[in-house]
Every structure is written in structure tokens, then in C-alpha cells.
C-alpha atoms as a PDB file:
ATOM      1  CA  UNK A   1     213.984 139.008  -4.379  1.00  0.00           C
ATOM      2  CA  UNK A   2     216.444 141.712  -3.353  1.00  0.00           C
ATOM      3  CA  UNK A   3     218.886 141.241  -0.482  1.00  0.00           C
ATOM      4  CA  UNK A   4     216.948 143.826   1.526  1.00  0.00           C
ATOM      5  CA  UNK A   5     213.730 141.841   1.057  1.00  0.00           C
ATOM      6  CA  UNK A   6     215.530 138.630   2.025  1.00  0.00           C
ATOM      7  CA  UNK A   7     216.796 140.160   5.271  1.00  0.00           C
ATOM      8  CA  UNK A   8     213.399 141.608   6.175  1.00  0.00           C
ATOM      9  CA  UNK A   9     211.930 138.187   5.385  1.00  0.00           C
ATOM     10  CA  UNK A  10     214.267 136.571   7.915  1.00  0.00           C
ATOM     11  CA  UNK A  11     213.132 139.126  10.471  1.00  0.00           C
ATOM     12  CA  UNK A  12     209.495 138.368   9.663  1.00  0.00           C
ATOM     13  CA  UNK A  13     210.095 134.694  10.438  1.00  0.00           C
ATOM     14  CA  UNK A  14     211.161 135.673  13.956  1.00  0.00           C
ATOM     15  CA  UNK A  15     208.122 137.858  14.653  1.00  0.00           C
ATOM     16  CA  UNK A  16     205.855 135.033  15.984  1.00  0.00           C
ATOM     17  CA  UNK A  17     208.665 133.774  18.233  1.00  0.00           C
ATOM     18  CA  UNK A  18     209.330 137.243  19.616  1.00  0.00           C
ATOM     19  CA  UNK A  19     205.610 137.688  20.234  1.00  0.00           C
ATOM     20  CA  UNK A  20     205.526 134.454  22.246  1.00  0.00           C
ATOM     21  CA  UNK A  21     208.519 135.615  24.321  1.00  0.00           C
ATOM     22  CA  UNK A  22     207.280 139.163  24.870  1.00  0.00           C
ATOM     23  CA  UNK A  23     205.876 138.460  28.353  1.00  0.00           C
ATOM     24  CA  UNK A  24     209.087 136.700  29.399  1.00  0.00           C
ATOM     25  CA  UNK A  25     211.109 139.629  28.072  1.00  0.00           C
ATOM     26  CA  UNK A  26     209.045 142.023  30.211  1.00  0.00           C
ATOM     27  CA  UNK A  27     209.493 139.772  33.252  1.00  0.00           C
ATOM     28  CA  UNK A  28     213.267 139.478  32.803  1.00  0.00           C
ATOM     29  CA  UNK A  29     213.615 143.214  32.047  1.00  0.00           C
ATOM     30  CA  UNK A  30     216.136 142.239  29.380  1.00  0.00           C
ATOM     31  CA  UNK A  31     216.277 140.248  26.129  1.00  0.00           C
ATOM     32  CA  UNK A  32     216.133 136.451  26.718  1.00  0.00           C
ATOM     33  CA  UNK A  33     219.269 134.546  25.789  1.00  0.00           C
ATOM     34  CA  UNK A  34     217.388 132.455  23.245  1.00  0.00           C
ATOM     35  CA  UNK A  35     216.357 135.623  21.397  1.00  0.00           C
ATOM     36  CA  UNK A  36     219.961 136.827  21.280  1.00  0.00           C
ATOM     37  CA  UNK A  37     220.960 133.424  19.894  1.00  0.00           C
ATOM     38  CA  UNK A  38     218.210 133.631  17.251  1.00  0.00           C
ATOM     39  CA  UNK A  39     219.484 137.041  16.158  1.00  0.00           C
ATOM     40  CA  UNK A  40     222.987 135.641  15.759  1.00  0.00           C
ATOM     41  CA  UNK A  41     221.862 132.447  14.009  1.00  0.00           C
ATOM     42  CA  UNK A  42     219.823 134.424  11.482  1.00  0.00           C
ATOM     43  CA  UNK A  43     222.838 136.527  10.513  1.00  0.00           C
ATOM     44  CA  UNK A  44     220.807 139.701  11.032  1.00  0.00           C
ATOM     45  CA  UNK A  45     223.194 141.064  13.643  1.00  0.00           C
ATOM     46  CA  UNK A  46     225.985 141.248  11.061  1.00  0.00           C
ATOM     47  CA  UNK A  47     224.189 143.316   8.417  1.00  0.00           C
ATOM     48  CA  UNK A  48     226.340 146.444   8.819  1.00  0.00           C
ATOM     49  CA  UNK A  49     229.348 144.698  10.369  1.00  0.00           C
ATOM     50  CA  UNK A  50     232.623 145.031   8.399  1.00  0.00           C
ATOM     51  CA  UNK A  51     233.190 142.138   5.990  1.00  0.00           C
ATOM     52  CA  UNK A  52     236.690 141.429   7.285  1.00  0.00           C
ATOM     53  CA  UNK A  53     235.153 140.555  10.666  1.00  0.00           C
ATOM     54  CA  UNK A  54     232.463 138.260   9.337  1.00  0.00           C
ATOM     55  CA  UNK A  55     229.814 140.839   8.471  1.00  0.00           C
ATOM     56  CA  UNK A  56     227.869 141.668   5.328  1.00  0.00           C
ATOM     57  CA  UNK A  57     229.169 145.222   5.178  1.00  0.00           C
ATOM     58  CA  UNK A  58     225.804 146.651   4.054  1.00  0.00           C
ATOM     59  CA  UNK A  59     224.474 150.171   4.434  1.00  0.00           C
ATOM     60  CA  UNK A  60     223.017 151.106   7.796  1.00  0.00           C
ATOM     61  CA  UNK A  61     219.479 151.610   6.498  1.00  0.00           C
ATOM     62  CA  UNK A  62     219.143 147.822   6.144  1.00  0.00           C
ATOM     63  CA  UNK A  63     219.428 147.606   9.948  1.00  0.00           C
ATOM     64  CA  UNK A  64     216.501 150.001  10.372  1.00  0.00           C
ATOM     65  CA  UNK A  65     214.280 147.973   8.029  1.00  0.00           C
ATOM     66  CA  UNK A  66     214.999 144.775   9.959  1.00  0.00           C
ATOM     67  CA  UNK A  67     214.534 146.445  13.368  1.00  0.00           C
ATOM     68  CA  UNK A  68     211.125 147.782  12.358  1.00  0.00           C
ATOM     69  CA  UNK A  69     210.032 144.295  11.313  1.00  0.00           C
ATOM     70  CA  UNK A  70     211.305 142.630  14.496  1.00  0.00           C
ATOM     71  CA  UNK A  71     209.525 145.238  16.620  1.00  0.00           C
ATOM     72  CA  UNK A  72     206.188 143.915  15.320  1.00  0.00           C
ATOM     73  CA  UNK A  73     206.823 140.899  17.538  1.00  0.00           C
ATOM     74  CA  UNK A  74     208.392 142.674  20.522  1.00  0.00           C
ATOM     75  CA  UNK A  75     209.248 146.341  20.836  1.00  0.00           C
ATOM     76  CA  UNK A  76     212.067 145.709  23.281  1.00  0.00           C
ATOM     77  CA  UNK A  77     213.631 143.051  21.046  1.00  0.00           C
ATOM     78  CA  UNK A  78     213.436 145.321  18.005  1.00  0.00           C
ATOM     79  CA  UNK A  79     214.996 148.170  19.973  1.00  0.00           C
ATOM     80  CA  UNK A  80     217.907 146.094  21.281  1.00  0.00           C
ATOM     81  CA  UNK A  81     218.530 144.519  17.893  1.00  0.00           C
ATOM     82  CA  UNK A  82     218.837 147.995  16.387  1.00  0.00           C
ATOM     83  CA  UNK A  83     221.219 149.063  19.155  1.00  0.00           C
ATOM     84  CA  UNK A  84     223.515 146.034  18.841  1.00  0.00           C
ATOM     85  CA  UNK A  85     223.573 146.008  15.034  1.00  0.00           C
ATOM     86  CA  UNK A  86     224.229 149.760  14.865  1.00  0.00           C
ATOM     87  CA  UNK A  87     227.186 149.348  17.203  1.00  0.00           C
ATOM     88  CA  UNK A  88     228.733 146.792  14.864  1.00  0.00           C
ATOM     89  CA  UNK A  89     228.467 149.474  12.174  1.00  0.00           C
ATOM     90  CA  UNK A  90     229.902 152.117  14.521  1.00  0.00           C
ATOM     91  CA  UNK A  91     232.863 149.877  15.418  1.00  0.00           C
ATOM     92  CA  UNK A  92     233.914 150.058  11.781  1.00  0.00           C
ATOM     93  CA  UNK A  93     234.742 153.723  12.432  1.00  0.00           C
ATOM     94  CA  UNK A  94     237.305 152.927  15.132  1.00  0.00           C
ATOM     95  CA  UNK A  95     240.973 152.234  14.511  1.00  0.00           C
ATOM     96  CA  UNK A  96     242.012 148.909  13.034  1.00  0.00           C
ATOM     97  CA  UNK A  97     243.674 147.952  16.319  1.00  0.00           C
ATOM     98  CA  UNK A  98     240.449 148.600  18.228  1.00  0.00           C
ATOM     99  CA  UNK A  99     238.418 146.587  15.720  1.00  0.00           C
ATOM    100  CA  UNK A 100     240.795 143.619  15.907  1.00  0.00           C
ATOM    101  CA  UNK A 101     240.625 143.687  19.694  1.00  0.00           C
ATOM    102  CA  UNK A 102     236.834 144.034  19.689  1.00  0.00           C
ATOM    103  CA  UNK A 103     236.226 141.011  17.443  1.00  0.00           C
ATOM    104  CA  UNK A 104     239.207 138.966  18.693  1.00  0.00           C
ATOM    105  CA  UNK A 105     237.079 136.419  20.542  1.00  0.00           C
ATOM    106  CA  UNK A 106     234.069 136.178  18.246  1.00  0.00           C
ATOM    107  CA  UNK A 107     232.359 137.701  15.223  1.00  0.00           C
ATOM    108  CA  UNK A 108     229.261 137.737  17.459  1.00  0.00           C
ATOM    109  CA  UNK A 109     230.677 140.317  19.857  1.00  0.00           C
ATOM    110  CA  UNK A 110     228.081 142.769  21.194  1.00  0.00           C
ATOM    111  CA  UNK A 111     228.413 146.193  22.773  1.00  0.00           C
ATOM    112  CA  UNK A 112     226.084 148.619  24.490  1.00  0.00           C
ATOM    113  CA  UNK A 113     226.385 152.403  24.590  1.00  0.00           C
ATOM    114  CA  UNK A 114     225.603 155.435  26.689  1.00  0.00           C
ATOM    115  CA  UNK A 115     225.840 158.759  24.921  1.00  0.00           C
ATOM    116  CA  UNK A 116     225.303 161.124  27.861  1.00  0.00           C
ATOM    117  CA  UNK A 117     228.714 162.669  28.706  1.00  0.00           C
ATOM    118  CA  UNK A 118     227.608 164.799  31.665  1.00  0.00           C
ATOM    119  CA  UNK A 119     228.700 162.258  34.285  1.00  0.00           C
ATOM    120  CA  UNK A 120     232.094 161.515  32.699  1.00  0.00           C
ATOM    121  CA  UNK A 121     235.535 162.601  33.854  1.00  0.00           C
ATOM    122  CA  UNK A 122     238.115 162.264  31.085  1.00  0.00           C
ATOM    123  CA  UNK A 123     241.784 163.035  31.744  1.00  0.00           C
ATOM    124  CA  UNK A 124     244.433 162.747  29.048  1.00  0.00           C
ATOM    125  CA  UNK A 125     247.508 160.793  30.073  1.00  0.00           C
ATOM    126  CA  UNK A 126     250.462 159.128  28.396  1.00  0.00           C
ATOM    127  CA  UNK A 127     249.224 156.743  25.715  1.00  0.00           C
ATOM    128  CA  UNK A 128     245.539 157.438  26.263  1.00  0.00           C
ATOM    129  CA  UNK A 129     243.015 158.607  28.829  1.00  0.00           C
ATOM    130  CA  UNK A 130     241.859 158.009  32.384  1.00  0.00           C
ATOM    131  CA  UNK A 131     238.106 157.571  32.542  1.00  0.00           C
ATOM    132  CA  UNK A 132     235.659 157.694  35.444  1.00  0.00           C
ATOM    133  CA  UNK A 133     231.967 158.396  35.660  1.00  0.00           C
ATOM    134  CA  UNK A 134     228.348 157.287  35.755  1.00  0.00           C
ATOM    135  CA  UNK A 135     226.300 156.789  32.582  1.00  0.00           C
ATOM    136  CA  UNK A 136     222.609 155.985  32.259  1.00  0.00           C
ATOM    137  CA  UNK A 137     220.309 154.178  29.807  1.00  0.00           C
ATOM    138  CA  UNK A 138     222.745 151.597  28.385  1.00  0.00           C
ATOM    139  CA  UNK A 139     220.297 149.308  26.597  1.00  0.00           C
ATOM    140  CA  UNK A 140     220.791 145.574  27.202  1.00  0.00           C
ATOM    141  CA  UNK A 141     224.256 146.023  28.617  1.00  0.00           C
ATOM    142  CA  UNK A 142     223.973 142.593  30.288  1.00  0.00           C
ATOM    143  CA  UNK A 143     224.606 140.779  26.987  1.00  0.00           C
ATOM    144  CA  UNK A 144     227.390 143.111  25.880  1.00  0.00           C
ATOM    145  CA  UNK A 145     231.102 142.529  26.418  1.00  0.00           C
ATOM    146  CA  UNK A 146     232.021 146.133  25.522  1.00  0.00           C
ATOM    147  CA  UNK A 147     230.494 149.590  25.862  1.00  0.00           C
ATOM    148  CA  UNK A 148     230.953 152.740  23.783  1.00  0.00           C
ATOM    149  CA  UNK A 149     230.695 155.818  26.009  1.00  0.00           C
ATOM    150  CA  UNK A 150     230.631 159.544  25.437  1.00  0.00           C
ATOM    151  CA  UNK A 151     233.021 161.785  27.322  1.00  0.00           C
ATOM    152  CA  UNK A 152     234.352 165.311  26.872  1.00  0.00           C
ATOM    153  CA  UNK A 153     238.112 165.413  26.321  1.00  0.00           C
ATOM    154  CA  UNK A 154     240.568 168.202  25.512  1.00  0.00           C
ATOM    155  CA  UNK A 155     239.581 168.044  21.825  1.00  0.00           C
ATOM    156  CA  UNK A 156     235.837 167.892  22.462  1.00  0.00           C
ATOM    157  CA  UNK A 157     233.324 165.055  22.520  1.00  0.00           C
ATOM    158  CA  UNK A 158     234.852 161.564  22.360  1.00  0.00           C
ATOM    159  CA  UNK A 159     233.602 158.058  21.576  1.00  0.00           C
ATOM    160  CA  UNK A 160     235.343 155.805  24.109  1.00  0.00           C
ATOM    161  CA  UNK A 161     235.454 151.991  23.869  1.00  0.00           C
ATOM    162  CA  UNK A 162     235.686 150.154  27.207  1.00  0.00           C
ATOM    163  CA  UNK A 163     235.701 146.359  27.885  1.00  0.00           C
ATOM    164  CA  UNK A 164     233.212 144.888  30.358  1.00  0.00           C
ATOM    165  CA  UNK A 165     235.796 144.050  32.996  1.00  0.00           C
ATOM    166  CA  UNK A 166     236.461 147.777  33.445  1.00  0.00           C
ATOM    167  CA  UNK A 167     232.909 148.875  34.286  1.00  0.00           C
ATOM    168  CA  UNK A 168     230.074 147.680  36.478  1.00  0.00           C
ATOM    169  CA  UNK A 169     226.337 147.565  35.847  1.00  0.00           C
ATOM    170  CA  UNK A 170     223.874 149.147  38.277  1.00  0.00           C
ATOM    171  CA  UNK A 171     220.357 147.736  37.962  1.00  0.00           C
ATOM    172  CA  UNK A 172     218.208 150.859  37.787  1.00  0.00           C
ATOM    173  CA  UNK A 173     215.791 149.765  35.054  1.00  0.00           C
ATOM    174  CA  UNK A 174     212.328 149.586  36.671  1.00  0.00           C
ATOM    175  CA  UNK A 175     210.003 151.171  34.112  1.00  0.00           C
ATOM    176  CA  UNK A 176     206.705 150.672  32.290  1.00  0.00           C
ATOM    177  CA  UNK A 177     207.649 151.102  28.632  1.00  0.00           C
ATOM    178  CA  UNK A 178     210.314 149.034  26.849  1.00  0.00           C
ATOM    179  CA  UNK A 179     210.907 147.223  30.123  1.00  0.00           C
ATOM    180  CA  UNK A 180     212.668 144.377  28.320  1.00  0.00           C
ATOM    181  CA  UNK A 181     215.508 146.569  27.040  1.00  0.00           C
ATOM    182  CA  UNK A 182     217.471 146.331  30.309  1.00  0.00           C
ATOM    183  CA  UNK A 183     218.691 149.914  29.893  1.00  0.00           C
ATOM    184  CA  UNK A 184     220.676 150.059  33.115  1.00  0.00           C
ATOM    185  CA  UNK A 185     223.354 152.399  34.447  1.00  0.00           C
ATOM    186  CA  UNK A 186     227.111 151.883  34.045  1.00  0.00           C
ATOM    187  CA  UNK A 187     229.919 153.000  36.344  1.00  0.00           C
ATOM    188  CA  UNK A 188     233.619 153.305  35.488  1.00  0.00           C
ATOM    189  CA  UNK A 189     236.241 153.879  38.193  1.00  0.00           C
ATOM    190  CA  UNK A 190     239.534 155.318  36.911  1.00  0.00           C
ATOM    191  CA  UNK A 191     239.956 152.989  33.925  1.00  0.00           C
ATOM    192  CA  UNK A 192     242.843 153.460  31.506  1.00  0.00           C
ATOM    193  CA  UNK A 193     241.666 153.660  27.890  1.00  0.00           C
ATOM    194  CA  UNK A 194     244.419 153.486  25.232  1.00  0.00           C
ATOM    195  CA  UNK A 195     244.304 156.148  22.569  1.00  0.00           C
ATOM    196  CA  UNK A 196     243.493 153.663  19.805  1.00  0.00           C
ATOM    197  CA  UNK A 197     240.144 152.945  21.504  1.00  0.00           C
ATOM    198  CA  UNK A 198     239.050 156.594  21.353  1.00  0.00           C
ATOM    199  CA  UNK A 199     237.574 158.501  18.389  1.00  0.00           C
ATOM    200  CA  UNK A 200     236.754 162.241  18.456  1.00  0.00           C
ATOM    201  CA  UNK A 201     233.127 162.839  17.478  1.00  0.00           C
ATOM    202  CA  UNK A 202     234.178 165.469  14.964  1.00  0.00           C
ATOM    203  CA  UNK A 203     236.052 162.802  12.977  1.00  0.00           C
ATOM    204  CA  UNK A 204     232.854 160.767  12.692  1.00  0.00           C
ATOM    205  CA  UNK A 205     230.876 163.837  11.670  1.00  0.00           C
ATOM    206  CA  UNK A 206     233.439 164.704   8.998  1.00  0.00           C
ATOM    207  CA  UNK A 207     233.671 161.100   7.710  1.00  0.00           C
ATOM    208  CA  UNK A 208     237.360 161.167   8.626  1.00  0.00           C
ATOM    209  CA  UNK A 209     237.463 158.510  11.348  1.00  0.00           C
ATOM    210  CA  UNK A 210     240.359 156.029  11.684  1.00  0.00           C
ATOM    211  CA  UNK A 211     238.245 153.193  10.280  1.00  0.00           C
END
């Protein structure tokens, strides 16, 4: 059995459990805590996470295979798994200082994202940036302790890492499809973001990011 087959097999074992919790997930409008704990306990969340921070350091396509399998039990759970696991991969592109800070408390750290920069105000200042704005569709932000946001800076589109204490969640997620993803809005009011927690999108596109 290949490692890929082993990981998909672990996901398959969770499918009946996710199916049983699907109604509860819809009712909560977010992923139940016990499902998040199952994802962590299985090790599936760490597939593409850097090895030095407790991950397996595998290619990103393994995440997609696992997400597709989990979604057989619950679409919302499969979606949020893919989001969280992909962010652990994305964090490996940030500076070493940002990665150390991100995983300082736990190898099970989670983040959400919102990649719509139209509501962002980014101002460069000494040592970093001042950030304000309103972002939508941040899937299962309730479980996350960080968020990665898009904003337009002087050098173009930026990936900006912000801790939970510097933003607030607005509960706007009242929908029919994927109701359990908890994809709510986020608001940031004049937060200072140090330069080491910011990566220009062009550096990711050119495979020349700090990480």
C-alpha cells in the first residue's frame, strides 16, 4: 500500500462518522468540534505541513485526494478540511519568523483565509503595514486562530497573516449550500502587521517566497 492509499484509507474510515454528523453540521453552520478533533487525531491535517513543525511535508495533491474522500461523508467537512490543510501548506511559503510564530503554541494550529482584496486598506509604515477592511467568505473561521488575507499594497497583491485577536467575526453565513462551512465575514480595524508576516503574491507565483 502506498502512502497516498494509506492516507485516503484513513479518510475513508471517517466517512461514516461524518455522514452521521452531517445534520448537526448543517444545524451548527460550522464544523463540529469533534470532527475537528478527528481530523487532528488522524494526522490528515498535517499532510502538507512542513516537517519541522510536525507535518509530513507531502505534495499538495495528497490533500485533494483526502478532501474528496471526506466529502463523501459531508461536503462541508470535506471543504473545510481542504481549506485548513491547504493553509498549512501555504504557511510554508511565509518567512521562518512567521512560521515559528504561527506554530508556536501547537502543531495543530489552524487558519482561515479570505482572498477578496476589494475591501482592504493597506498602508505601508515603519516595520510593516497598517491594515483595515472587511473580507467575506472566510470558511470555518471560528476554529481558526489566524487568518491569511489578501490586500493590495505598494508592490501589488499581498498575502497578509493576522492573529485572531486582531480581527472580529461577523456572522453572515445563512445559506442553503455548504451551510456547515461557517464561511463568515471578517473585520480588521487598523491592525499593525509586521513585514515578516506579509508575502507579495508575485513571490508565490515565481516560487521565490521567503519560505
